[in-house]
Amino acid sequence: MADTELDKVSSEPVVAVSNVDTAEVPSAEWGWSGESIKTFRFFGWLFAAFLLVMIIGNHEGRVEDWYLIGFAAVMVILLVRDVIMRRKPR
C-alpha cells in the first residue's frame, strides 16, 4: 500500500513545476495554480451568442433588443481585446 502521509522530517522546499510563488498563490501547493483561459473564452463566446439568440422572443418592445445587442457587443469587444493582448509579447 502506498504511503499517503507527507514527510514531516524533510526540510527541503517543494519546487512547483509552474514556478509560481506559493506565498502569492496558495493553491500552487496542491498542484493547481492558474486560470483556464480557454474555458473562460469558450463560455464568453457562448454567452455572447446566447444573448443574441435571446432577441428571438415574445417581447414587443425593441428596448430589450438594444440592451441584448449592447451587452453582447461589449462581451465580444472584451473577448477580442483579450485575444489580442495575450498574443502580444510582454
Protein backbone atom coordinates (compact mmCIF):
# COMPACT_ATOMS: atom_id res chain seq x y z
CA MET A 1 0.00 0.00 0.00
CA ALA A 2 1.34 3.43 -0.88
CA ASP A 3 2.28 5.83 1.87
CA THR A 4 -0.01 8.86 1.67
CA GLU A 5 1.40 10.81 4.59
CA LEU A 6 3.60 13.81 3.95
CA ASP A 7 7.21 13.57 5.07
CA LYS A 8 7.33 15.90 8.07
CA VAL A 9 11.10 15.42 8.57
CA SER A 10 12.12 16.78 5.18
CA SER A 11 13.09 20.43 5.28
CA GLU A 12 13.61 20.76 1.54
CA PRO A 13 11.29 23.27 -0.11
CA VAL A 14 8.75 21.95 -2.54
CA VAL A 15 9.53 23.16 -6.04
CA ALA A 16 6.46 23.93 -8.08
CA VAL A 17 6.54 22.89 -11.70
CA SER A 18 4.91 26.14 -12.82
CA ASN A 19 7.45 28.34 -10.97
CA VAL A 20 4.65 30.09 -9.07
CA ASP A 21 5.38 31.52 -5.64
CA THR A 22 3.18 29.72 -3.12
CA ALA A 23 3.05 32.89 -0.99
CA GLU A 24 1.20 34.66 -3.81
CA VAL A 25 -0.87 31.69 -4.99
CA PRO A 26 -1.63 29.32 -2.10
CA SER A 27 -3.30 26.74 -4.35
CA ALA A 28 0.07 26.12 -6.06
CA GLU A 29 0.95 23.83 -3.16
CA TRP A 30 -1.87 21.50 -4.17
CA GLY A 31 -0.84 21.35 -7.80
CA TRP A 32 -3.29 23.79 -9.31
CA SER A 33 -2.44 27.39 -9.88
CA GLY A 34 -3.81 29.21 -12.80
CA GLU A 35 -6.83 30.02 -14.83
CA SER A 36 -8.46 28.04 -17.53
CA ILE A 37 -8.20 30.73 -20.19
CA LYS A 38 -9.60 28.58 -22.99
CA THR A 39 -12.62 27.61 -20.91
CA PHE A 40 -13.32 31.23 -19.96
CA ARG A 41 -13.07 32.30 -23.60
CA PHE A 42 -15.33 29.48 -24.77
CA PHE A 43 -18.03 30.36 -22.26
CA GLY A 44 -17.61 34.07 -23.04
CA TRP A 45 -18.31 33.46 -26.73
CA LEU A 46 -21.15 31.08 -25.85
CA PHE A 47 -22.73 33.64 -23.54
CA ALA A 48 -22.42 36.43 -26.13
CA ALA A 49 -24.12 34.19 -28.70
CA PHE A 50 -26.80 33.30 -26.15
CA LEU A 51 -27.52 36.99 -25.59
CA LEU A 52 -28.06 37.44 -29.32
CA VAL A 53 -30.29 34.37 -29.50
CA MET A 54 -32.43 35.86 -26.73
CA ILE A 55 -33.53 38.54 -29.19
CA ILE A 56 -35.89 35.93 -30.60
CA GLY A 57 -38.68 36.06 -28.08
CA ASN A 58 -42.18 37.11 -27.26
CA HIS A 59 -41.42 40.68 -26.21
CA GLU A 60 -42.98 43.52 -28.15
CA GLY A 61 -40.66 46.42 -27.41
CA ARG A 62 -37.26 46.87 -29.01
CA VAL A 63 -35.52 48.34 -25.96
CA GLU A 64 -34.70 44.83 -24.73
CA ASP A 65 -33.15 44.01 -28.10
CA TRP A 66 -30.83 47.01 -27.90
CA TYR A 67 -29.70 46.03 -24.40
CA LEU A 68 -29.03 42.44 -25.50
CA ILE A 69 -27.11 43.63 -28.57
CA GLY A 70 -25.17 46.15 -26.47
CA PHE A 71 -24.16 43.64 -23.80
CA ALA A 72 -23.21 41.07 -26.45
CA ALA A 73 -21.13 43.69 -28.28
CA VAL A 74 -19.31 44.65 -25.08
CA MET A 75 -18.54 40.97 -24.41
CA VAL A 76 -17.26 40.46 -27.96
CA ILE A 77 -15.05 43.55 -27.68
CA LEU A 78 -13.61 42.30 -24.38
CA LEU A 79 -13.00 38.82 -25.81
CA VAL A 80 -11.28 40.17 -28.92
CA ARG A 81 -9.19 42.52 -26.79
CA ASP A 82 -8.17 39.59 -24.59
CA VAL A 83 -7.08 37.54 -27.61
CA ILE A 84 -5.05 40.45 -28.98
CA MET A 85 -3.43 41.31 -25.64
CA ARG A 86 -2.39 37.70 -24.99
CA ARG A 87 -0.75 37.43 -28.42
CA LYS A 88 1.49 40.43 -27.81
CA PRO A 89 4.83 39.64 -26.21
CA ARG A 90 5.35 41.44 -22.93
